[in-house]
């Protein structure tokens, strides 16, 4: 079974599965709380690199240095070829266009500056993931 097999077959009331990549524990907990109010559940990360990643409806990736994070984004995109990716970074400036040229250059569907508010995260998630 491929990592994304079965994503399209899920019912409209199913929890949306979100994979958080490279998020520190505090940020992961906070995002998990916020995402749960949107009908999402945060998936556990694989225990090892040899274990396949869980199937996800959305991948949120923390990219500390966007110019150096392109390889990580490509690796994650290859693991989830049909899944939208939202990138967070402290190096994205406030007011950046969520789905604009920075997102396209990085190869993701949406970017969000960090720290983000609950409302900003909800808006970004709704842009890329039908809830």
N, C-alpha and C. Protein backbone atom coordinates (compact mmCIF):
# COMPACT_ATOMS: atom_id res chain seq x y z
N UNK A 1 0.85 -1.19 0.00
CA UNK A 1 0.00 0.00 0.00
C UNK A 1 0.89 1.24 0.00
N UNK A 2 0.64 2.17 -0.90
CA UNK A 2 1.44 3.39 -0.96
C UNK A 2 1.05 4.32 0.19
N UNK A 3 1.93 5.29 0.55
CA UNK A 3 1.63 6.17 1.67
C UNK A 3 0.32 6.93 1.52
N UNK A 4 -0.09 7.24 0.30
CA UNK A 4 -1.29 8.05 0.11
C UNK A 4 -2.49 7.25 -0.35
N UNK A 5 -2.35 5.95 -0.47
CA UNK A 5 -3.47 5.14 -0.94
C UNK A 5 -4.61 5.23 0.07
N UNK A 6 -5.79 5.45 -0.43
CA UNK A 6 -6.95 5.51 0.43
C UNK A 6 -7.34 6.91 0.86
N UNK A 7 -6.52 7.91 0.58
CA UNK A 7 -6.85 9.27 1.00
C UNK A 7 -8.14 9.73 0.36
N UNK A 8 -8.31 9.48 -0.94
CA UNK A 8 -9.50 9.96 -1.64
C UNK A 8 -10.76 9.20 -1.24
N UNK A 9 -10.62 7.99 -0.68
CA UNK A 9 -11.78 7.18 -0.34
C UNK A 9 -12.36 7.53 1.02
N UNK A 10 -11.75 8.39 1.76
CA UNK A 10 -12.22 8.72 3.10
C UNK A 10 -13.51 9.53 3.01
N UNK A 11 -14.39 9.31 3.96
CA UNK A 11 -15.68 9.99 3.97
C UNK A 11 -15.56 11.46 4.32
N UNK A 12 -16.60 12.26 4.03
CA UNK A 12 -16.54 13.70 4.26
C UNK A 12 -16.46 14.07 5.75
N UNK A 13 -16.90 13.18 6.65
CA UNK A 13 -16.86 13.48 8.07
C UNK A 13 -15.64 12.90 8.78
N UNK A 14 -14.75 12.26 8.03
CA UNK A 14 -13.55 11.68 8.63
C UNK A 14 -12.59 12.79 9.07
N UNK A 15 -11.86 12.52 10.15
CA UNK A 15 -10.83 13.47 10.57
C UNK A 15 -9.79 13.58 9.48
N UNK A 16 -9.33 14.77 9.21
CA UNK A 16 -8.27 14.98 8.24
C UNK A 16 -6.95 14.68 8.93
N UNK A 17 -6.12 13.87 8.27
CA UNK A 17 -4.85 13.43 8.84
C UNK A 17 -3.74 14.40 8.44
N UNK A 18 -3.05 14.92 9.44
CA UNK A 18 -1.99 15.90 9.19
C UNK A 18 -0.67 15.34 9.69
N UNK A 19 0.33 15.37 8.84
CA UNK A 19 1.68 14.98 9.22
C UNK A 19 2.48 16.25 9.49
N UNK A 20 3.09 16.33 10.67
CA UNK A 20 3.97 17.45 11.02
C UNK A 20 5.40 16.97 10.90
N UNK A 21 6.19 17.67 10.08
CA UNK A 21 7.57 17.27 9.83
C UNK A 21 8.52 18.30 10.43
N UNK A 22 9.48 17.80 11.21
CA UNK A 22 10.53 18.61 11.80
C UNK A 22 10.02 19.72 12.72
N UNK A 23 8.89 19.49 13.34
CA UNK A 23 8.37 20.47 14.30
C UNK A 23 8.86 20.11 15.69
N UNK A 24 9.29 21.11 16.46
CA UNK A 24 9.71 20.81 17.83
C UNK A 24 8.48 20.43 18.65
N UNK A 25 8.70 19.80 19.79
CA UNK A 25 7.59 19.23 20.57
C UNK A 25 6.58 20.27 21.03
N UNK A 26 7.05 21.43 21.45
CA UNK A 26 6.13 22.48 21.91
C UNK A 26 5.25 22.96 20.76
N UNK A 27 5.86 23.23 19.64
CA UNK A 27 5.12 23.69 18.46
C UNK A 27 4.19 22.59 17.97
N UNK A 28 4.65 21.35 18.00
CA UNK A 28 3.83 20.21 17.57
C UNK A 28 2.58 20.10 18.44
N UNK A 29 2.73 20.23 19.76
CA UNK A 29 1.58 20.17 20.66
C UNK A 29 0.58 21.29 20.39
N UNK A 30 1.10 22.50 20.22
CA UNK A 30 0.23 23.64 19.95
C UNK A 30 -0.52 23.46 18.62
N UNK A 31 0.22 23.10 17.58
CA UNK A 31 -0.43 22.87 16.28
C UNK A 31 -1.47 21.76 16.39
N UNK A 32 -1.15 20.71 17.14
CA UNK A 32 -2.11 19.62 17.32
C UNK A 32 -3.41 20.10 17.94
N UNK A 33 -3.30 20.96 18.95
CA UNK A 33 -4.51 21.51 19.58
C UNK A 33 -5.30 22.36 18.60
N UNK A 34 -4.61 23.22 17.88
CA UNK A 34 -5.29 24.09 16.92
C UNK A 34 -5.93 23.28 15.80
N UNK A 35 -5.19 22.30 15.27
CA UNK A 35 -5.70 21.50 14.17
C UNK A 35 -6.90 20.66 14.59
N UNK A 36 -6.93 20.23 15.84
CA UNK A 36 -8.07 19.41 16.30
C UNK A 36 -9.37 20.20 16.24
N UNK A 37 -9.31 21.52 16.44
CA UNK A 37 -10.52 22.34 16.35
C UNK A 37 -11.00 22.47 14.91
N UNK A 38 -10.13 22.11 13.95
CA UNK A 38 -10.50 22.15 12.53
C UNK A 38 -10.91 20.78 12.01
N UNK A 39 -11.01 19.81 12.90
CA UNK A 39 -11.37 18.46 12.48
C UNK A 39 -10.20 17.67 11.94
N UNK A 40 -9.00 17.97 12.42
CA UNK A 40 -7.79 17.29 11.97
C UNK A 40 -7.16 16.54 13.13
N UNK A 41 -6.41 15.52 12.81
CA UNK A 41 -5.63 14.80 13.80
C UNK A 41 -4.18 14.74 13.34
N UNK A 42 -3.26 14.92 14.27
CA UNK A 42 -1.83 14.89 13.94
C UNK A 42 -1.35 13.45 14.01
N UNK A 43 -0.70 13.02 12.95
CA UNK A 43 -0.20 11.65 12.86
C UNK A 43 1.15 11.52 13.55
N UNK A 44 1.40 10.34 14.13
CA UNK A 44 2.73 10.12 14.70
C UNK A 44 3.76 9.98 13.58
N UNK A 45 4.97 10.45 13.83
CA UNK A 45 6.04 10.30 12.86
C UNK A 45 6.57 8.88 12.90
N UNK A 46 7.10 8.38 11.78
CA UNK A 46 7.68 7.03 11.78
C UNK A 46 8.80 6.93 12.82
N UNK A 47 8.94 5.75 13.41
CA UNK A 47 9.96 5.54 14.43
C UNK A 47 11.37 5.54 13.85
N UNK A 48 11.50 5.21 12.57
CA UNK A 48 12.81 5.21 11.93
C UNK A 48 12.68 5.66 10.48
N UNK A 49 13.82 6.00 9.87
CA UNK A 49 13.82 6.43 8.47
C UNK A 49 13.44 5.30 7.52
N UNK A 50 13.59 4.06 7.95
CA UNK A 50 13.26 2.94 7.08
C UNK A 50 11.76 2.64 7.07
N UNK A 51 11.04 3.16 8.05
CA UNK A 51 9.60 2.96 8.13
C UNK A 51 8.89 3.97 7.21
N UNK A 52 7.90 3.53 6.42
CA UNK A 52 7.22 4.48 5.53
C UNK A 52 6.42 5.49 6.34
N UNK A 53 6.31 6.72 5.82
CA UNK A 53 5.52 7.72 6.53
C UNK A 53 4.03 7.38 6.46
N UNK A 54 3.26 7.87 7.42
CA UNK A 54 1.83 7.59 7.39
C UNK A 54 1.14 8.35 6.25
N UNK A 55 0.04 7.77 5.75
CA UNK A 55 -0.76 8.47 4.74
C UNK A 55 -1.33 9.74 5.39
N UNK A 56 -1.33 10.82 4.64
CA UNK A 56 -1.78 12.10 5.20
C UNK A 56 -2.62 12.84 4.18
N UNK A 57 -3.51 13.70 4.70
CA UNK A 57 -4.31 14.58 3.86
C UNK A 57 -3.64 15.94 3.71
N UNK A 58 -2.72 16.24 4.63
CA UNK A 58 -1.97 17.51 4.61
C UNK A 58 -0.65 17.27 5.32
N UNK A 59 0.42 17.85 4.77
CA UNK A 59 1.72 17.81 5.43
C UNK A 59 2.09 19.25 5.78
N UNK A 60 2.44 19.45 7.05
CA UNK A 60 2.94 20.75 7.50
C UNK A 60 4.40 20.54 7.86
N UNK A 61 5.26 21.31 7.24
CA UNK A 61 6.69 21.14 7.42
C UNK A 61 7.30 22.43 7.96
N UNK A 62 8.14 22.28 8.97
CA UNK A 62 8.86 23.41 9.54
C UNK A 62 10.19 23.52 8.80
N UNK A 63 10.39 24.64 8.13
CA UNK A 63 11.59 24.86 7.33
C UNK A 63 12.35 26.05 7.92
N UNK A 64 13.32 25.79 8.82
CA UNK A 64 14.02 26.90 9.47
C UNK A 64 14.72 27.84 8.47
N UNK A 65 15.34 27.28 7.45
CA UNK A 65 16.04 28.07 6.46
C UNK A 65 15.51 27.69 5.08
N UNK A 66 14.53 28.43 4.55
CA UNK A 66 13.87 28.03 3.30
C UNK A 66 14.81 27.76 2.13
N UNK A 67 15.85 28.55 1.97
CA UNK A 67 16.76 28.32 0.83
C UNK A 67 17.48 26.98 0.96
N UNK A 68 17.70 26.55 2.18
CA UNK A 68 18.37 25.26 2.41
C UNK A 68 17.37 24.12 2.59
N UNK A 69 16.09 24.44 2.67
CA UNK A 69 15.08 23.43 2.93
C UNK A 69 14.47 22.80 1.70
N UNK A 70 14.92 23.19 0.52
CA UNK A 70 14.32 22.69 -0.72
C UNK A 70 14.48 21.18 -0.83
N UNK A 71 15.63 20.63 -0.44
CA UNK A 71 15.83 19.18 -0.53
C UNK A 71 14.88 18.44 0.40
N UNK A 72 14.69 18.96 1.61
CA UNK A 72 13.75 18.33 2.54
C UNK A 72 12.33 18.38 1.98
N UNK A 73 11.95 19.52 1.43
CA UNK A 73 10.61 19.64 0.84
C UNK A 73 10.44 18.65 -0.30
N UNK A 74 11.46 18.51 -1.14
CA UNK A 74 11.37 17.56 -2.26
C UNK A 74 11.23 16.13 -1.77
N UNK A 75 11.97 15.78 -0.72
CA UNK A 75 11.89 14.42 -0.16
C UNK A 75 10.49 14.14 0.39
N UNK A 76 9.94 15.11 1.11
CA UNK A 76 8.60 14.95 1.68
C UNK A 76 7.56 14.91 0.57
N UNK A 77 7.71 15.76 -0.44
CA UNK A 77 6.77 15.77 -1.57
C UNK A 77 6.80 14.43 -2.31
N UNK A 78 7.98 13.81 -2.41
CA UNK A 78 8.07 12.51 -3.07
C UNK A 78 7.36 11.43 -2.25
N UNK A 79 7.35 11.57 -0.93
CA UNK A 79 6.65 10.61 -0.08
C UNK A 79 5.14 10.81 -0.12
N UNK A 80 4.71 12.02 -0.45
CA UNK A 80 3.28 12.37 -0.47
C UNK A 80 2.97 13.13 -1.77
N UNK A 81 3.05 12.47 -2.92
CA UNK A 81 2.96 13.18 -4.20
C UNK A 81 1.65 13.91 -4.47
N UNK A 82 0.56 13.50 -3.88
CA UNK A 82 -0.72 14.16 -4.16
C UNK A 82 -1.25 14.95 -2.96
N UNK A 83 -0.42 15.10 -1.95
CA UNK A 83 -0.83 15.73 -0.71
C UNK A 83 -0.36 17.18 -0.66
N UNK A 84 -1.25 18.12 -0.29
CA UNK A 84 -0.79 19.51 -0.17
C UNK A 84 0.22 19.65 0.97
N UNK A 85 1.16 20.56 0.75
CA UNK A 85 2.20 20.83 1.75
C UNK A 85 2.15 22.30 2.14
N UNK A 86 2.14 22.53 3.45
CA UNK A 86 2.18 23.88 4.01
C UNK A 86 3.52 24.02 4.74
N UNK A 87 4.31 25.03 4.39
CA UNK A 87 5.61 25.24 5.02
C UNK A 87 5.55 26.40 6.00
N UNK A 88 6.12 26.18 7.17
CA UNK A 88 6.23 27.21 8.20
C UNK A 88 7.70 27.58 8.35
N UNK A 89 7.97 28.87 8.62
CA UNK A 89 9.35 29.27 8.87
C UNK A 89 9.39 30.60 9.60
N UNK A 90 10.35 30.71 10.50
CA UNK A 90 10.58 32.00 11.15
C UNK A 90 11.23 32.98 10.19
N UNK A 91 11.71 32.48 9.05
CA UNK A 91 12.35 33.35 8.07
C UNK A 91 11.41 33.86 6.99
N UNK A 92 10.15 33.47 7.02
CA UNK A 92 9.15 34.07 6.14
C UNK A 92 8.70 35.37 6.81
N UNK A 93 8.62 36.43 6.05
CA UNK A 93 8.25 37.72 6.62
C UNK A 93 6.74 37.85 6.77
N UNK A 94 6.29 38.60 7.78
CA UNK A 94 4.84 38.82 7.94
C UNK A 94 4.27 39.46 6.67
N UNK A 95 3.08 39.08 6.32
CA UNK A 95 2.44 39.63 5.13
C UNK A 95 2.78 38.89 3.85
N UNK A 96 3.57 37.82 3.96
CA UNK A 96 3.94 37.05 2.78
C UNK A 96 2.67 36.43 2.18
N UNK A 97 2.59 36.37 0.90
CA UNK A 97 1.44 35.76 0.24
C UNK A 97 1.44 34.26 0.46
N UNK A 98 0.40 33.76 1.06
CA UNK A 98 0.32 32.35 1.44
C UNK A 98 0.61 31.41 0.26
N UNK A 99 -0.01 31.66 -0.87
CA UNK A 99 0.14 30.78 -2.03
C UNK A 99 0.86 31.48 -3.17
N UNK A 100 1.71 32.43 -2.84
CA UNK A 100 2.38 33.25 -3.84
C UNK A 100 3.71 32.70 -4.33
N UNK A 101 4.58 33.60 -4.81
CA UNK A 101 5.83 33.19 -5.44
C UNK A 101 6.79 32.47 -4.49
N UNK A 102 6.79 32.80 -3.22
CA UNK A 102 7.68 32.10 -2.28
C UNK A 102 7.27 30.64 -2.16
N UNK A 103 5.97 30.39 -2.06
CA UNK A 103 5.48 29.01 -1.99
C UNK A 103 5.86 28.25 -3.26
N UNK A 104 5.66 28.87 -4.41
CA UNK A 104 5.99 28.21 -5.67
C UNK A 104 7.49 27.93 -5.77
N UNK A 105 8.33 28.87 -5.36
CA UNK A 105 9.78 28.67 -5.42
C UNK A 105 10.23 27.54 -4.50
N UNK A 106 9.58 27.40 -3.37
CA UNK A 106 9.93 26.34 -2.42
C UNK A 106 9.33 24.99 -2.83
N UNK A 107 8.32 25.03 -3.67
CA UNK A 107 7.69 23.79 -4.13
C UNK A 107 6.60 23.29 -3.19
N UNK A 108 5.94 24.22 -2.50
CA UNK A 108 4.86 23.86 -1.58
C UNK A 108 3.58 24.57 -2.01
N UNK A 109 2.48 24.19 -1.41
CA UNK A 109 1.20 24.79 -1.75
C UNK A 109 0.95 26.10 -1.02
N UNK A 110 1.56 26.23 0.16
CA UNK A 110 1.28 27.39 1.00
C UNK A 110 2.45 27.62 1.95
N UNK A 111 2.71 28.88 2.28
CA UNK A 111 3.73 29.22 3.29
C UNK A 111 3.08 30.08 4.36
N UNK A 112 3.64 29.98 5.55
CA UNK A 112 3.11 30.72 6.68
C UNK A 112 4.27 31.14 7.58
N UNK A 113 4.37 32.43 7.91
CA UNK A 113 5.44 32.84 8.82
C UNK A 113 5.19 32.32 10.23
N UNK A 114 6.28 32.04 10.91
CA UNK A 114 6.22 31.52 12.26
C UNK A 114 6.84 32.55 13.19
N UNK A 115 6.29 32.85 14.33
CA UNK A 115 5.12 32.21 14.91
C UNK A 115 3.85 32.63 14.18
N UNK A 116 2.93 31.72 14.12
CA UNK A 116 1.65 31.97 13.45
C UNK A 116 0.55 32.00 14.49
N UNK A 117 -0.50 32.69 14.17
CA UNK A 117 -1.67 32.69 15.04
C UNK A 117 -2.57 31.51 14.67
N UNK A 118 -3.46 31.17 15.56
CA UNK A 118 -4.44 30.12 15.30
C UNK A 118 -5.25 30.47 14.05
N UNK A 119 -5.65 31.73 13.93
CA UNK A 119 -6.46 32.16 12.80
C UNK A 119 -5.69 32.05 11.48
N UNK A 120 -4.42 32.42 11.51
CA UNK A 120 -3.61 32.34 10.29
C UNK A 120 -3.44 30.88 9.86
N UNK A 121 -3.21 30.00 10.83
CA UNK A 121 -3.08 28.58 10.51
C UNK A 121 -4.39 28.05 9.94
N UNK A 122 -5.51 28.39 10.56
CA UNK A 122 -6.81 27.92 10.08
C UNK A 122 -7.06 28.40 8.65
N UNK A 123 -6.76 29.65 8.37
CA UNK A 123 -6.95 30.18 7.02
C UNK A 123 -6.09 29.44 6.01
N UNK A 124 -4.82 29.22 6.35
CA UNK A 124 -3.91 28.51 5.44
C UNK A 124 -4.36 27.08 5.22
N UNK A 125 -4.76 26.39 6.27
CA UNK A 125 -5.21 25.00 6.14
C UNK A 125 -6.45 24.94 5.26
N UNK A 126 -7.37 25.84 5.47
CA UNK A 126 -8.60 25.86 4.65
C UNK A 126 -8.31 26.14 3.17
N UNK A 127 -7.26 26.89 2.90
CA UNK A 127 -6.90 27.18 1.50
C UNK A 127 -6.45 25.93 0.77
N UNK A 128 -5.76 25.03 1.46
CA UNK A 128 -5.18 23.88 0.77
C UNK A 128 -5.88 22.56 1.07
N UNK A 129 -6.76 22.54 2.06
CA UNK A 129 -7.40 21.29 2.46
C UNK A 129 -8.88 21.53 2.68
N UNK A 130 -9.73 20.92 1.85
CA UNK A 130 -11.16 21.08 2.07
C UNK A 130 -11.57 20.49 3.42
N UNK A 131 -12.17 21.30 4.27
CA UNK A 131 -12.57 20.82 5.60
C UNK A 131 -14.08 20.66 5.68
